[in-house]
């Protein structure tokens, strides 16, 4: 099993090289999931928001545009710089970015009114530790909004999804099931409520190019999709629009 340090080094290597691609990735810039997160946040004047795993900064900037004072924190230095650059371009002086580890957040206890985490937790080496940290930095009446890609509850389709994701990206750790997320959130001290589920329509070529997936792994991914059992093919709609498939995501409030 890969060590925690090895996972984090892989994340930094993979996403450091891909920061420019993530700056212009449509699936991260906007979407129904981000719109719903903003609506559910119920932002009030003076609210402070922490965006954990901020990546290129799209969620951070969206909450800043909505009027909150937002800090994005990410493990990868290049992603932090990308977020800062995008904030400067928009003139958003209420958004700042800091390099840091989700499992050891560099912030005081009870500091933030809202914590967000969007489409990144499947790269965390220790999700329970990260959730405990999110709970620590939230005010007692604070709110967590967590959105991530999720695995099917069925064992066979779950295993297929993990293999498919890992072939594309060596830094992938695990897409958790909704039932697993709810249990981990309860154990971290949250009262979880799954608010909604969506399917992200993924363009396969853009998906692998964004992460610089080597050609032999791209070929293996195509072969894996072609020989997937009917249940997996139906779940991820490999038989849908040519060159696309679906990744299921959910939004959970804690």
C-alpha atoms as a PDB file:
ATOM      1  CA  UNK A   1       0.000   0.000   0.000  1.00  0.00           C
ATOM      2  CA  UNK A   2       1.289   3.445  -0.894  1.00  0.00           C
ATOM      3  CA  UNK A   3       2.293   5.529   2.125  1.00  0.00           C
ATOM      4  CA  UNK A   4       0.589   8.808   2.992  1.00  0.00           C
ATOM      5  CA  UNK A   5       3.767  10.693   2.056  1.00  0.00           C
ATOM      6  CA  UNK A   6       3.916   8.838  -1.255  1.00  0.00           C
ATOM      7  CA  UNK A   7       0.309   9.711  -2.065  1.00  0.00           C
ATOM      8  CA  UNK A   8       0.911  13.389  -1.329  1.00  0.00           C
ATOM      9  CA  UNK A   9       4.080  13.459  -3.410  1.00  0.00           C
ATOM     10  CA  UNK A  10       2.161  11.894  -6.296  1.00  0.00           C
ATOM     11  CA  UNK A  11      -0.630  14.472  -5.960  1.00  0.00           C
ATOM     12  CA  UNK A  12       1.879  17.327  -6.012  1.00  0.00           C
ATOM     13  CA  UNK A  13       3.675  15.884  -9.029  1.00  0.00           C
ATOM     14  CA  UNK A  14       0.520  15.186 -11.023  1.00  0.00           C
ATOM     15  CA  UNK A  15      -1.323  18.407 -10.276  1.00  0.00           C
ATOM     16  CA  UNK A  16       1.736  20.628 -10.391  1.00  0.00           C
ATOM     17  CA  UNK A  17       2.206  19.575 -13.998  1.00  0.00           C
ATOM     18  CA  UNK A  18      -1.511  19.979 -14.780  1.00  0.00           C
ATOM     19  CA  UNK A  19      -2.218  23.348 -13.134  1.00  0.00           C
ATOM     20  CA  UNK A  20      -2.525  25.229 -16.441  1.00  0.00           C
ATOM     21  CA  UNK A  21      -5.009  22.691 -17.793  1.00  0.00           C
ATOM     22  CA  UNK A  22      -7.146  22.885 -14.644  1.00  0.00           C
ATOM     23  CA  UNK A  23      -7.250  26.676 -14.923  1.00  0.00           C
ATOM     24  CA  UNK A  24      -9.339  26.307 -18.100  1.00  0.00           C
ATOM     25  CA  UNK A  25     -11.180  23.017 -17.380  1.00  0.00           C
ATOM     26  CA  UNK A  26     -14.892  23.637 -17.958  1.00  0.00           C
ATOM     27  CA  UNK A  27     -16.001  20.954 -15.495  1.00  0.00           C
ATOM     28  CA  UNK A  28     -14.156  22.780 -12.704  1.00  0.00           C
ATOM     29  CA  UNK A  29     -14.897  26.373 -13.744  1.00  0.00           C
ATOM     30  CA  UNK A  30     -18.678  25.996 -13.402  1.00  0.00           C
ATOM     31  CA  UNK A  31     -21.498  23.496 -13.104  1.00  0.00           C
ATOM     32  CA  UNK A  32     -24.771  22.622 -11.405  1.00  0.00           C
ATOM     33  CA  UNK A  33     -22.821  21.321  -8.412  1.00  0.00           C
ATOM     34  CA  UNK A  34     -21.081  24.661  -7.831  1.00  0.00           C
ATOM     35  CA  UNK A  35     -24.342  26.563  -8.290  1.00  0.00           C
ATOM     36  CA  UNK A  36     -26.016  24.355  -5.691  1.00  0.00           C
ATOM     37  CA  UNK A  37     -23.116  24.765  -3.257  1.00  0.00           C
ATOM     38  CA  UNK A  38     -23.433  28.544  -3.495  1.00  0.00           C
ATOM     39  CA  UNK A  39     -27.186  28.357  -2.932  1.00  0.00           C
ATOM     40  CA  UNK A  40     -26.864  26.032   0.064  1.00  0.00           C
ATOM     41  CA  UNK A  41     -24.104  28.111   1.690  1.00  0.00           C
ATOM     42  CA  UNK A  42     -26.595  30.828   2.718  1.00  0.00           C
ATOM     43  CA  UNK A  43     -23.778  33.354   2.881  1.00  0.00           C
ATOM     44  CA  UNK A  44     -24.220  36.289   5.241  1.00  0.00           C
ATOM     45  CA  UNK A  45     -22.268  39.575   5.440  1.00  0.00           C
ATOM     46  CA  UNK A  46     -18.912  39.000   7.088  1.00  0.00           C
ATOM     47  CA  UNK A  47     -18.837  35.245   6.517  1.00  0.00           C
ATOM     48  CA  UNK A  48     -15.427  33.631   6.173  1.00  0.00           C
ATOM     49  CA  UNK A  49     -15.146  30.603   3.905  1.00  0.00           C
ATOM     50  CA  UNK A  50     -12.377  28.001   3.638  1.00  0.00           C
ATOM     51  CA  UNK A  51     -12.126  26.062   0.360  1.00  0.00           C
ATOM     52  CA  UNK A  52     -10.169  22.860   1.023  1.00  0.00           C
ATOM     53  CA  UNK A  53      -8.402  21.353  -1.977  1.00  0.00           C
ATOM     54  CA  UNK A  54      -8.948  24.547  -3.930  1.00  0.00           C
ATOM     55  CA  UNK A  55      -6.962  23.431  -6.981  1.00  0.00           C
ATOM     56  CA  UNK A  56      -6.888  26.146  -9.635  1.00  0.00           C
ATOM     57  CA  UNK A  57      -9.231  28.187  -7.455  1.00  0.00           C
ATOM     58  CA  UNK A  58     -12.541  28.084  -9.299  1.00  0.00           C
ATOM     59  CA  UNK A  59     -14.703  27.319  -6.251  1.00  0.00           C
ATOM     60  CA  UNK A  60     -12.770  29.810  -4.132  1.00  0.00           C
ATOM     61  CA  UNK A  61     -13.355  32.545  -6.697  1.00  0.00           C
ATOM     62  CA  UNK A  62     -17.040  31.683  -7.072  1.00  0.00           C
ATOM     63  CA  UNK A  63     -17.608  32.153  -3.337  1.00  0.00           C
ATOM     64  CA  UNK A  64     -15.557  35.354  -3.401  1.00  0.00           C
ATOM     65  CA  UNK A  65     -17.737  36.722  -6.204  1.00  0.00           C
ATOM     66  CA  UNK A  66     -20.725  35.978  -3.950  1.00  0.00           C
ATOM     67  CA  UNK A  67     -19.263  38.356  -1.354  1.00  0.00           C
ATOM     68  CA  UNK A  68     -17.575  36.105   1.196  1.00  0.00           C
ATOM     69  CA  UNK A  69     -14.004  36.432   2.406  1.00  0.00           C
ATOM     70  CA  UNK A  70     -12.551  33.196   1.060  1.00  0.00           C
ATOM     71  CA  UNK A  71      -9.296  31.327   1.601  1.00  0.00           C
ATOM     72  CA  UNK A  72      -8.356  28.514  -0.738  1.00  0.00           C
ATOM     73  CA  UNK A  73      -5.905  25.934   0.579  1.00  0.00           C
ATOM     74  CA  UNK A  74      -4.207  23.328  -1.586  1.00  0.00           C
ATOM     75  CA  UNK A  75      -1.331  20.890  -1.248  1.00  0.00           C
ATOM     76  CA  UNK A  76       0.229  21.791  -4.592  1.00  0.00           C
ATOM     77  CA  UNK A  77       2.226  25.017  -4.916  1.00  0.00           C
ATOM     78  CA  UNK A  78       1.557  25.421  -8.641  1.00  0.00           C
ATOM     79  CA  UNK A  79      -2.200  25.190  -8.061  1.00  0.00           C
ATOM     80  CA  UNK A  80      -1.964  27.835  -5.330  1.00  0.00           C
ATOM     81  CA  UNK A  81      -0.152  30.176  -7.719  1.00  0.00           C
ATOM     82  CA  UNK A  82      -2.725  29.514 -10.433  1.00  0.00           C
ATOM     83  CA  UNK A  83      -5.529  30.475  -8.041  1.00  0.00           C
ATOM     84  CA  UNK A  84      -3.710  33.643  -7.025  1.00  0.00           C
ATOM     85  CA  UNK A  85      -3.195  34.594 -10.653  1.00  0.00           C
ATOM     86  CA  UNK A  86      -6.875  34.083 -11.524  1.00  0.00           C
ATOM     87  CA  UNK A  87      -7.922  36.161  -8.489  1.00  0.00           C
ATOM     88  CA  UNK A  88      -5.559  38.977  -9.548  1.00  0.00           C
ATOM     89  CA  UNK A  89      -6.957  38.951 -13.072  1.00  0.00           C
ATOM     90  CA  UNK A  90     -10.490  39.412 -11.700  1.00  0.00           C
ATOM     91  CA  UNK A  91      -9.454  41.946  -9.082  1.00  0.00           C
ATOM     92  CA  UNK A  92     -10.893  39.805  -6.275  1.00  0.00           C
ATOM     93  CA  UNK A  93      -9.159  41.117  -3.171  1.00  0.00           C
ATOM     94  CA  UNK A  94     -11.470  39.045  -0.921  1.00  0.00           C
ATOM     95  CA  UNK A  95      -9.906  35.771  -2.132  1.00  0.00           C
ATOM     96  CA  UNK A  96      -6.539  34.516  -0.973  1.00  0.00           C
ATOM     97  CA  UNK A  97      -4.686  31.232  -1.367  1.00  0.00           C
ATOM     98  CA  UNK A  98      -2.376  29.285   0.907  1.00  0.00           C
ATOM     99  CA  UNK A  99      -0.425  26.075   0.468  1.00  0.00           C
ATOM    100  CA  UNK A 100      -1.387  23.506   3.086  1.00  0.00           C
ATOM    101  CA  UNK A 101      -2.385  19.930   3.855  1.00  0.00           C
ATOM    102  CA  UNK A 102      -6.081  19.071   4.318  1.00  0.00           C
ATOM    103  CA  UNK A 103      -5.081  16.709   7.130  1.00  0.00           C
ATOM    104  CA  UNK A 104      -3.258  19.481   9.040  1.00  0.00           C
ATOM    105  CA  UNK A 105      -5.011  22.711   8.144  1.00  0.00           C
ATOM    106  CA  UNK A 106      -2.874  25.757   9.012  1.00  0.00           C
ATOM    107  CA  UNK A 107      -5.744  27.683  10.608  1.00  0.00           C
ATOM    108  CA  UNK A 108      -7.086  28.388  14.077  1.00  0.00           C
ATOM    109  CA  UNK A 109      -9.950  26.437  15.618  1.00  0.00           C
ATOM    110  CA  UNK A 110     -13.504  27.804  15.141  1.00  0.00           C
ATOM    111  CA  UNK A 111     -12.358  30.316  12.516  1.00  0.00           C
ATOM    112  CA  UNK A 112     -14.621  29.770   9.499  1.00  0.00           C
ATOM    113  CA  UNK A 113     -18.366  30.063   8.961  1.00  0.00           C
ATOM    114  CA  UNK A 114     -18.324  27.740   5.950  1.00  0.00           C
ATOM    115  CA  UNK A 115     -15.958  25.073   4.668  1.00  0.00           C
ATOM    116  CA  UNK A 116     -16.198  23.814   1.103  1.00  0.00           C
ATOM    117  CA  UNK A 117     -14.491  20.886  -0.602  1.00  0.00           C
ATOM    118  CA  UNK A 118     -15.265  20.270  -4.272  1.00  0.00           C
ATOM    119  CA  UNK A 119     -14.163  17.449  -6.589  1.00  0.00           C
ATOM    120  CA  UNK A 120     -10.883  16.749  -4.835  1.00  0.00           C
ATOM    121  CA  UNK A 121     -11.329  14.551  -1.745  1.00  0.00           C
ATOM    122  CA  UNK A 122     -10.740  11.351  -3.734  1.00  0.00           C
ATOM    123  CA  UNK A 123      -7.059  12.421  -3.711  1.00  0.00           C
ATOM    124  CA  UNK A 124      -6.791  12.768   0.075  1.00  0.00           C
ATOM    125  CA  UNK A 125      -4.488  10.244   1.742  1.00  0.00           C
ATOM    126  CA  UNK A 126      -6.524  10.215   4.977  1.00  0.00           C
ATOM    127  CA  UNK A 127     -10.108  11.407   4.536  1.00  0.00           C
ATOM    128  CA  UNK A 128     -11.170  10.908   8.197  1.00  0.00           C
ATOM    129  CA  UNK A 129      -8.248  13.101   9.326  1.00  0.00           C
ATOM    130  CA  UNK A 130      -9.178  15.775   6.778  1.00  0.00           C
ATOM    131  CA  UNK A 131     -12.800  15.747   7.927  1.00  0.00           C
ATOM    132  CA  UNK A 132     -11.760  16.121  11.558  1.00  0.00           C
ATOM    133  CA  UNK A 133      -9.679  19.145  10.557  1.00  0.00           C
ATOM    134  CA  UNK A 134     -12.589  20.664   8.657  1.00  0.00           C
ATOM    135  CA  UNK A 135     -14.757  20.231  11.735  1.00  0.00           C
ATOM    136  CA  UNK A 136     -12.070  21.783  13.944  1.00  0.00           C
ATOM    137  CA  UNK A 137     -11.729  24.979  11.902  1.00  0.00           C
ATOM    138  CA  UNK A 138     -15.499  25.448  11.550  1.00  0.00           C
ATOM    139  CA  UNK A 139     -17.365  27.569  14.047  1.00  0.00           C
ATOM    140  CA  UNK A 140     -19.808  25.580  16.227  1.00  0.00           C
ATOM    141  CA  UNK A 141     -22.729  26.694  14.041  1.00  0.00           C
ATOM    142  CA  UNK A 142     -20.705  26.404  10.811  1.00  0.00           C
ATOM    143  CA  UNK A 143     -21.529  24.429   7.701  1.00  0.00           C
ATOM    144  CA  UNK A 144     -19.542  22.031   5.525  1.00  0.00           C
ATOM    145  CA  UNK A 145     -20.447  21.584   1.855  1.00  0.00           C
ATOM    146  CA  UNK A 146     -18.630  18.642   0.304  1.00  0.00           C
ATOM    147  CA  UNK A 147     -18.981  17.595  -3.336  1.00  0.00           C
ATOM    148  CA  UNK A 148     -17.083  14.706  -4.861  1.00  0.00           C
ATOM    149  CA  UNK A 149     -17.279  11.935  -7.391  1.00  0.00           C
ATOM    150  CA  UNK A 150     -18.770   8.855  -5.777  1.00  0.00           C
ATOM    151  CA  UNK A 151     -18.505   5.124  -6.269  1.00  0.00           C
ATOM    152  CA  UNK A 152     -21.499   2.850  -6.845  1.00  0.00           C
ATOM    153  CA  UNK A 153     -22.720   0.930  -3.804  1.00  0.00           C
ATOM    154  CA  UNK A 154     -22.360  -2.290  -5.821  1.00  0.00           C
ATOM    155  CA  UNK A 155     -18.994  -3.984  -5.205  1.00  0.00           C
ATOM    156  CA  UNK A 156     -18.240  -4.942  -8.821  1.00  0.00           C
ATOM    157  CA  UNK A 157     -19.008  -1.519 -10.289  1.00  0.00           C
ATOM    158  CA  UNK A 158     -17.148   0.136  -7.415  1.00  0.00           C
ATOM    159  CA  UNK A 159     -14.032  -1.931  -8.193  1.00  0.00           C
ATOM    160  CA  UNK A 160     -14.315  -1.082 -11.892  1.00  0.00           C
ATOM    161  CA  UNK A 161     -14.563   2.646 -11.153  1.00  0.00           C
ATOM    162  CA  UNK A 162     -11.480   2.634  -8.916  1.00  0.00           C
ATOM    163  CA  UNK A 163      -9.461   0.786 -11.549  1.00  0.00           C
ATOM    164  CA  UNK A 164     -10.616   3.164 -14.282  1.00  0.00           C
ATOM    165  CA  UNK A 165      -9.764   6.277 -12.256  1.00  0.00           C
ATOM    166  CA  UNK A 166      -6.370   4.969 -11.141  1.00  0.00           C
ATOM    167  CA  UNK A 167      -5.335   4.102 -14.688  1.00  0.00           C
ATOM    168  CA  UNK A 168      -5.946   7.708 -15.687  1.00  0.00           C
ATOM    169  CA  UNK A 169      -4.295   9.275 -12.631  1.00  0.00           C
ATOM    170  CA  UNK A 170      -1.711   7.618 -10.384  1.00  0.00           C
ATOM    171  CA  UNK A 171      -2.512  10.086  -7.573  1.00  0.00           C
ATOM    172  CA  UNK A 172      -6.112   8.855  -7.297  1.00  0.00           C
ATOM    173  CA  UNK A 173      -6.805   7.284  -3.893  1.00  0.00           C
ATOM    174  CA  UNK A 174     -10.488   6.311  -3.793  1.00  0.00           C
ATOM    175  CA  UNK A 175     -13.925   7.442  -4.846  1.00  0.00           C
ATOM    176  CA  UNK A 176     -16.039   6.692  -1.783  1.00  0.00           C
ATOM    177  CA  UNK A 177     -19.634   5.501  -1.773  1.00  0.00           C
ATOM    178  CA  UNK A 178     -22.282   7.882  -0.449  1.00  0.00           C
ATOM    179  CA  UNK A 179     -22.825   5.501   2.465  1.00  0.00           C
ATOM    180  CA  UNK A 180     -19.102   5.681   3.281  1.00  0.00           C
ATOM    181  CA  UNK A 181     -19.117   9.482   3.131  1.00  0.00           C
ATOM    182  CA  UNK A 182     -22.071   9.699   5.488  1.00  0.00           C
ATOM    183  CA  UNK A 183     -20.419   7.350   7.975  1.00  0.00           C
ATOM    184  CA  UNK A 184     -17.075   9.186   7.885  1.00  0.00           C
ATOM    185  CA  UNK A 185     -18.812  12.527   8.351  1.00  0.00           C
ATOM    186  CA  UNK A 186     -20.725  11.263  11.381  1.00  0.00           C
ATOM    187  CA  UNK A 187     -17.515   9.933  12.913  1.00  0.00           C
ATOM    188  CA  UNK A 188     -15.886  13.363  12.387  1.00  0.00           C
ATOM    189  CA  UNK A 189     -18.675  15.078  14.308  1.00  0.00           C
ATOM    190  CA  UNK A 190     -20.955  16.215  11.487  1.00  0.00           C
ATOM    191  CA  UNK A 191     -24.651  15.584  10.916  1.00  0.00           C
ATOM    192  CA  UNK A 192     -24.564  14.672   7.193  1.00  0.00           C
ATOM    193  CA  UNK A 193     -27.358  15.169   4.704  1.00  0.00           C
ATOM    194  CA  UNK A 194     -26.963  14.133   1.077  1.00  0.00           C
ATOM    195  CA  UNK A 195     -28.558  16.988  -0.843  1.00  0.00           C
ATOM    196  CA  UNK A 196     -28.310  15.946  -4.471  1.00  0.00           C
ATOM    197  CA  UNK A 197     -26.618  13.742  -7.034  1.00  0.00           C
ATOM    198  CA  UNK A 198     -25.570  14.481 -10.591  1.00  0.00           C
ATOM    199  CA  UNK A 199     -23.739  12.866 -13.467  1.00  0.00           C
ATOM    200  CA  UNK A 200     -20.810  14.788 -14.910  1.00  0.00           C
ATOM    201  CA  UNK A 201     -20.649  14.386 -18.679  1.00  0.00           C
ATOM    202  CA  UNK A 202     -16.950  13.751 -19.312  1.00  0.00           C
ATOM    203  CA  UNK A 203     -15.159  14.162 -22.622  1.00  0.00           C
ATOM    204  CA  UNK A 204     -12.703  11.270 -22.544  1.00  0.00           C
ATOM    205  CA  UNK A 205      -9.937  12.903 -24.597  1.00  0.00           C
ATOM    206  CA  UNK A 206      -9.971  16.116 -22.538  1.00  0.00           C
ATOM    207  CA  UNK A 207     -10.107  14.059 -19.329  1.00  0.00           C
ATOM    208  CA  UNK A 208      -6.884  12.170 -20.063  1.00  0.00           C
ATOM    209  CA  UNK A 209      -5.110  15.121 -21.693  1.00  0.00           C
ATOM    210  CA  UNK A 210      -5.749  17.301 -18.625  1.00  0.00           C
ATOM    211  CA  UNK A 211      -3.852  14.832 -16.440  1.00  0.00           C
ATOM    212  CA  UNK A 212      -1.148  14.070 -19.068  1.00  0.00           C
ATOM    213  CA  UNK A 213      -2.058  10.368 -18.960  1.00  0.00           C
ATOM    214  CA  UNK A 214       0.595   8.359 -20.858  1.00  0.00           C
ATOM    215  CA  UNK A 215      -0.449   6.831 -24.172  1.00  0.00           C
ATOM    216  CA  UNK A 216      -0.197   3.234 -22.958  1.00  0.00           C
ATOM    217  CA  UNK A 217      -2.559   4.010 -20.079  1.00  0.00           C
ATOM    218  CA  UNK A 218      -4.999   5.781 -22.399  1.00  0.00           C
ATOM    219  CA  UNK A 219      -5.061   2.645 -24.547  1.00  0.00           C
ATOM    220  CA  UNK A 220      -5.618   0.522 -21.434  1.00  0.00           C
ATOM    221  CA  UNK A 221      -8.504   2.770 -20.388  1.00  0.00           C
ATOM    222  CA  UNK A 222     -10.176   2.395 -23.777  1.00  0.00           C
ATOM    223  CA  UNK A 223      -9.768  -1.373 -23.604  1.00  0.00           C
ATOM    224  CA  UNK A 224     -11.113  -1.486 -20.032  1.00  0.00           C
ATOM    225  CA  UNK A 225     -14.214   0.456 -21.072  1.00  0.00           C
ATOM    226  CA  UNK A 226     -14.761  -1.782 -24.096  1.00  0.00           C
ATOM    227  CA  UNK A 227     -14.625  -5.022 -22.101  1.00  0.00           C
ATOM    228  CA  UNK A 228     -16.482  -3.771 -19.031  1.00  0.00           C
ATOM    229  CA  UNK A 229     -19.445  -5.872 -17.995  1.00  0.00           C
ATOM    230  CA  UNK A 230     -22.883  -4.641 -19.097  1.00  0.00           C
ATOM    231  CA  UNK A 231     -23.779  -3.277 -15.644  1.00  0.00           C
ATOM    232  CA  UNK A 232     -20.676  -1.073 -15.537  1.00  0.00           C
ATOM    233  CA  UNK A 233     -21.135   0.065 -19.145  1.00  0.00           C
ATOM    234  CA  UNK A 234     -24.725   1.035 -18.399  1.00  0.00           C
ATOM    235  CA  UNK A 235     -23.828   2.799 -15.130  1.00  0.00           C
ATOM    236  CA  UNK A 236     -21.103   4.952 -16.693  1.00  0.00           C
ATOM    237  CA  UNK A 237     -22.878   5.209 -20.080  1.00  0.00           C
ATOM    238  CA  UNK A 238     -19.937   4.153 -22.192  1.00  0.00           C
ATOM    239  CA  UNK A 239     -22.587   3.342 -24.790  1.00  0.00           C
ATOM    240  CA  UNK A 240     -23.855   6.949 -24.817  1.00  0.00           C
ATOM    241  CA  UNK A 241     -22.554   9.874 -26.894  1.00  0.00           C
ATOM    242  CA  UNK A 242     -19.315   8.789 -28.635  1.00  0.00           C
ATOM    243  CA  UNK A 243     -16.171   9.810 -26.797  1.00  0.00           C
ATOM    244  CA  UNK A 244     -17.958  10.571 -23.523  1.00  0.00           C
ATOM    245  CA  UNK A 245     -18.954   8.854 -20.303  1.00  0.00           C
ATOM    246  CA  UNK A 246     -20.504   9.803 -16.986  1.00  0.00           C
ATOM    247  CA  UNK A 247     -18.958  10.236 -13.548  1.00  0.00           C
ATOM    248  CA  UNK A 248     -21.503  10.311 -10.708  1.00  0.00           C
ATOM    249  CA  UNK A 249     -21.057  13.042  -8.073  1.00  0.00           C
ATOM    250  CA  UNK A 250     -22.960  14.049  -4.970  1.00  0.00           C
ATOM    251  CA  UNK A 251     -23.258  17.052  -2.662  1.00  0.00           C
ATOM    252  CA  UNK A 252     -23.361  16.454   1.076  1.00  0.00           C
ATOM    253  CA  UNK A 253     -24.031  19.047   3.755  1.00  0.00           C
ATOM    254  CA  UNK A 254     -22.563  18.626   7.198  1.00  0.00           C
END
